[in-house]
């Protein structure tokens, strides 16, 4: 298995003057925390860089890196770039998440699937996951209707080696200017996926300044 951390984005909404993976929470960067969790799990890592890639270089701690020069076009191209040459089980990870390591461990134990946190009132920005008959069948922003269970995606997706080709087909069928989740949505719509529910476990995605406050004051003390 290999981990693929998508760390190429600009992160304009946060107002941070570098890659979000270098945001320090409790004296440690998000990237350090990812790599420490992966080291403890015995999983090697590849990091997709883009915006200010040179700033990430001293913080990769020996992890492999690949650079996406078209990072401003959208995260789907970062996923495509990152998957190039991979021929093993892979766990795809957003770089801007602070989380209980057990969430990552549980996702990696799936054959293929997501971590989801059920909620009833999503905003426009949250990436929501829809479950039908026990399988993930959609991942999209905002409200999802008509599913047995809906929850916010934590930002991790485990994929088994046998289905890498199908994910690559879904990537090729998606808008290259868009979010990589559009390709995952096509993929799970066709093939489905498993999920682990993480309600009650500490985690947060960091997109806005208020997310940093939540990370510092609510999530970090519980890790």
Protein backbone atom coordinates (compact mmCIF):
# COMPACT_ATOMS: atom_id res chain seq x y z
CA UNK A 1 0.00 0.00 0.00
CA UNK A 2 1.07 3.57 -0.66
CA UNK A 3 -0.35 6.87 0.62
CA UNK A 4 -0.88 9.73 -1.80
CA UNK A 5 -1.10 13.15 -0.14
CA UNK A 6 -2.58 15.90 -2.33
CA UNK A 7 -0.73 19.04 -1.24
CA UNK A 8 -0.67 21.10 -4.45
CA UNK A 9 -3.48 23.60 -3.82
CA UNK A 10 -3.20 27.33 -3.22
CA UNK A 11 -5.66 27.65 -0.32
CA UNK A 12 -6.81 31.22 -1.01
CA UNK A 13 -9.76 30.97 1.37
CA UNK A 14 -7.51 30.39 4.37
CA UNK A 15 -5.32 33.46 3.86
CA UNK A 16 -2.19 31.45 4.70
CA UNK A 17 0.96 32.51 2.82
CA UNK A 18 2.15 29.00 1.97
CA UNK A 19 0.90 25.48 1.26
CA UNK A 20 -1.81 24.51 3.75
CA UNK A 21 0.15 21.36 4.57
CA UNK A 22 2.68 23.64 6.32
CA UNK A 23 0.10 25.16 8.63
CA UNK A 24 1.25 24.58 12.21
CA UNK A 25 -1.25 23.26 14.72
CA UNK A 26 0.17 22.81 18.20
CA UNK A 27 3.72 23.40 16.98
CA UNK A 28 3.61 20.71 14.28
CA UNK A 29 2.77 21.11 10.61
CA UNK A 30 -0.14 19.19 9.13
CA UNK A 31 2.38 17.48 6.85
CA UNK A 32 4.48 16.32 9.80
CA UNK A 33 1.38 14.88 11.41
CA UNK A 34 0.37 13.02 8.23
CA UNK A 35 3.82 11.55 7.76
CA UNK A 36 4.13 10.56 11.42
CA UNK A 37 0.79 8.74 11.25
CA UNK A 38 1.82 6.96 8.05
CA UNK A 39 5.21 6.04 9.51
CA UNK A 40 3.48 4.51 12.53
CA UNK A 41 1.23 2.54 10.17
CA UNK A 42 4.20 1.37 8.09
CA UNK A 43 2.86 2.96 4.88
CA UNK A 44 5.20 4.75 2.44
CA UNK A 45 4.07 8.08 1.03
CA UNK A 46 4.06 10.10 -2.17
CA UNK A 47 3.29 13.83 -1.93
CA UNK A 48 1.84 15.78 -4.86
CA UNK A 49 3.23 19.32 -4.77
CA UNK A 50 2.19 22.41 -6.70
CA UNK A 51 1.88 25.82 -5.07
CA UNK A 52 5.20 26.85 -3.47
CA UNK A 53 6.56 23.33 -3.93
CA UNK A 54 10.01 24.46 -2.82
CA UNK A 55 8.63 25.37 0.61
CA UNK A 56 7.41 21.81 1.13
CA UNK A 57 10.72 20.24 0.23
CA UNK A 58 12.36 20.53 3.70
CA UNK A 59 9.19 19.11 5.30
CA UNK A 60 8.78 15.91 3.31
CA UNK A 61 11.06 13.90 5.65
CA UNK A 62 12.20 11.52 2.94
CA UNK A 63 8.78 10.98 1.35
CA UNK A 64 8.63 10.75 -2.43
CA UNK A 65 7.33 13.84 -4.23
CA UNK A 66 5.83 14.47 -7.65
CA UNK A 67 5.10 17.95 -8.94
CA UNK A 68 1.93 19.03 -10.70
CA UNK A 69 2.83 22.14 -12.73
CA UNK A 70 -0.86 22.65 -13.59
CA UNK A 71 -1.98 22.81 -9.97
CA UNK A 72 -3.98 26.01 -10.51
CA UNK A 73 -6.34 24.23 -12.92
CA UNK A 74 -7.89 21.99 -10.26
CA UNK A 75 -7.23 19.07 -7.95
CA UNK A 76 -8.24 16.40 -10.46
CA UNK A 77 -4.97 16.94 -12.33
CA UNK A 78 -3.08 16.54 -9.05
CA UNK A 79 -4.74 13.18 -8.50
CA UNK A 80 -3.95 12.09 -12.05
CA UNK A 81 -0.33 13.18 -11.65
CA UNK A 82 -0.01 11.48 -8.28
CA UNK A 83 -1.38 8.14 -9.46
CA UNK A 84 1.05 7.94 -12.37
CA UNK A 85 3.10 4.75 -12.03
CA UNK A 86 1.31 3.48 -8.92
CA UNK A 87 0.36 -0.20 -9.15
CA UNK A 88 -0.63 -1.12 -5.59
CA UNK A 89 -3.34 -0.36 -3.08
CA UNK A 90 -3.42 3.37 -2.43
CA UNK A 91 -4.97 5.68 0.15
CA UNK A 92 -5.64 9.16 -1.24
CA UNK A 93 -5.40 11.90 1.38
CA UNK A 94 -6.23 15.59 1.45
CA UNK A 95 -3.37 17.52 3.03
CA UNK A 96 -5.56 19.99 4.94
CA UNK A 97 -7.03 17.66 7.58
CA UNK A 98 -6.27 17.36 11.30
CA UNK A 99 -7.57 14.04 12.61
CA UNK A 100 -7.44 11.19 15.07
CA UNK A 101 -4.98 8.65 13.58
CA UNK A 102 -7.51 5.87 14.14
CA UNK A 103 -9.61 7.34 11.32
CA UNK A 104 -6.80 6.79 8.83
CA UNK A 105 -6.11 3.32 10.21
CA UNK A 106 -9.75 2.32 9.75
CA UNK A 107 -9.87 3.63 6.18
CA UNK A 108 -6.70 1.74 5.27
CA UNK A 109 -8.29 -1.46 6.57
CA UNK A 110 -11.11 -1.21 4.00
CA UNK A 111 -10.84 -2.88 0.63
CA UNK A 112 -11.90 0.42 -0.88
CA UNK A 113 -13.83 3.16 0.83
CA UNK A 114 -14.16 6.38 2.80
CA UNK A 115 -14.45 7.78 6.32
CA UNK A 116 -17.69 9.68 6.78
CA UNK A 117 -19.08 11.81 9.59
CA UNK A 118 -22.89 12.00 9.45
CA UNK A 119 -24.43 15.45 9.69
CA UNK A 120 -27.87 16.82 8.89
CA UNK A 121 -27.23 20.36 7.66
CA UNK A 122 -24.30 20.57 5.25
CA UNK A 123 -23.17 23.89 3.84
CA UNK A 124 -22.15 24.58 0.26
CA UNK A 125 -18.46 23.75 0.81
CA UNK A 126 -18.61 20.37 2.56
CA UNK A 127 -17.89 17.33 0.43
CA UNK A 128 -20.77 15.00 1.29
CA UNK A 129 -20.95 11.25 0.77
CA UNK A 130 -24.16 9.37 0.02
CA UNK A 131 -24.71 5.74 1.06
CA UNK A 132 -27.40 3.53 -0.47
CA UNK A 133 -28.03 -0.10 0.51
CA UNK A 134 -24.84 -0.14 2.55
CA UNK A 135 -22.55 1.18 -0.21
CA UNK A 136 -21.16 4.61 -1.01
CA UNK A 137 -22.74 5.76 -4.27
CA UNK A 138 -22.01 9.50 -4.43
CA UNK A 139 -19.53 12.14 -3.29
CA UNK A 140 -20.51 15.75 -4.04
CA UNK A 141 -20.55 19.20 -2.47
CA UNK A 142 -23.60 20.36 -0.56
CA UNK A 143 -26.95 18.70 0.01
CA UNK A 144 -27.46 15.09 -1.07
CA UNK A 145 -31.01 13.76 -1.20
CA UNK A 146 -32.43 10.28 -1.63
CA UNK A 147 -29.75 8.31 0.22
CA UNK A 148 -30.06 6.02 3.23
CA UNK A 149 -27.17 7.78 4.95
CA UNK A 150 -25.34 11.03 4.22
CA UNK A 151 -22.15 12.20 5.90
CA UNK A 152 -19.26 14.57 5.34
CA UNK A 153 -16.18 12.95 3.86
CA UNK A 154 -13.11 13.24 6.07
CA UNK A 155 -10.81 13.53 3.04
CA UNK A 156 -9.40 9.99 2.73
CA UNK A 157 -10.19 7.31 0.12
CA UNK A 158 -8.67 3.83 0.05
CA UNK A 159 -8.59 2.08 -3.33
CA UNK A 160 -7.59 -1.49 -4.04
CA UNK A 161 -5.03 -2.15 -6.77
CA UNK A 162 -7.51 -4.11 -8.90
CA UNK A 163 -9.66 -1.00 -9.43
CA UNK A 164 -6.92 1.51 -10.24
CA UNK A 165 -7.65 1.22 -13.95
CA UNK A 166 -11.32 2.04 -13.41
CA UNK A 167 -10.45 5.11 -11.35
CA UNK A 168 -8.09 6.26 -14.09
CA UNK A 169 -10.94 5.88 -16.61
CA UNK A 170 -13.17 7.99 -14.34
CA UNK A 171 -10.45 10.65 -14.16
CA UNK A 172 -10.17 10.74 -17.94
CA UNK A 173 -13.98 11.10 -18.18
CA UNK A 174 -14.05 14.09 -15.78
CA UNK A 175 -13.49 17.82 -16.22
CA UNK A 176 -9.73 18.45 -15.87
CA UNK A 177 -10.48 21.88 -14.40
CA UNK A 178 -12.52 20.42 -11.55
CA UNK A 179 -12.25 18.78 -8.16
CA UNK A 180 -10.83 15.27 -8.01
CA UNK A 181 -13.95 14.18 -6.14
CA UNK A 182 -15.88 14.43 -9.41
CA UNK A 183 -13.90 11.41 -10.64
CA UNK A 184 -14.53 9.59 -7.35
CA UNK A 185 -18.24 10.34 -7.76
CA UNK A 186 -18.24 8.71 -11.19
CA UNK A 187 -16.28 5.77 -9.83
CA UNK A 188 -18.51 5.02 -6.84
CA UNK A 189 -21.62 5.56 -8.94
CA UNK A 190 -20.48 2.64 -11.08
CA UNK A 191 -18.75 0.36 -8.59
CA UNK A 192 -19.68 1.46 -5.07
CA UNK A 193 -17.39 1.55 -2.04
CA UNK A 194 -17.32 0.77 1.66
CA UNK A 195 -17.26 3.29 4.48
CA UNK A 196 -16.41 3.66 8.14
CA UNK A 197 -18.44 6.01 10.31
CA UNK A 198 -16.35 8.34 12.47
CA UNK A 199 -19.00 10.31 14.35
CA UNK A 200 -17.60 11.38 17.70
CA UNK A 201 -13.94 11.10 16.71
CA UNK A 202 -11.98 14.36 16.46
CA UNK A 203 -11.18 15.69 13.00
CA UNK A 204 -11.56 18.83 10.91
CA UNK A 205 -10.80 20.00 7.40
CA UNK A 206 -9.06 23.38 7.36
CA UNK A 207 -10.32 25.75 4.67
CA UNK A 208 -11.07 28.99 6.53
CA UNK A 209 -9.58 30.93 9.48
CA UNK A 210 -12.39 29.71 11.74
CA UNK A 211 -11.32 26.14 10.95
CA UNK A 212 -7.89 26.91 12.39
CA UNK A 213 -9.56 28.12 15.59
CA UNK A 214 -11.58 24.91 15.78
CA UNK A 215 -8.49 22.81 15.11
CA UNK A 216 -6.56 24.51 17.91
CA UNK A 217 -9.32 24.76 20.50
CA UNK A 218 -11.51 21.71 19.90
CA UNK A 219 -9.65 19.05 17.90
CA UNK A 220 -6.03 19.23 19.07
CA UNK A 221 -6.82 18.80 22.79
CA UNK A 222 -8.56 15.50 21.93
CA UNK A 223 -5.68 14.00 19.94
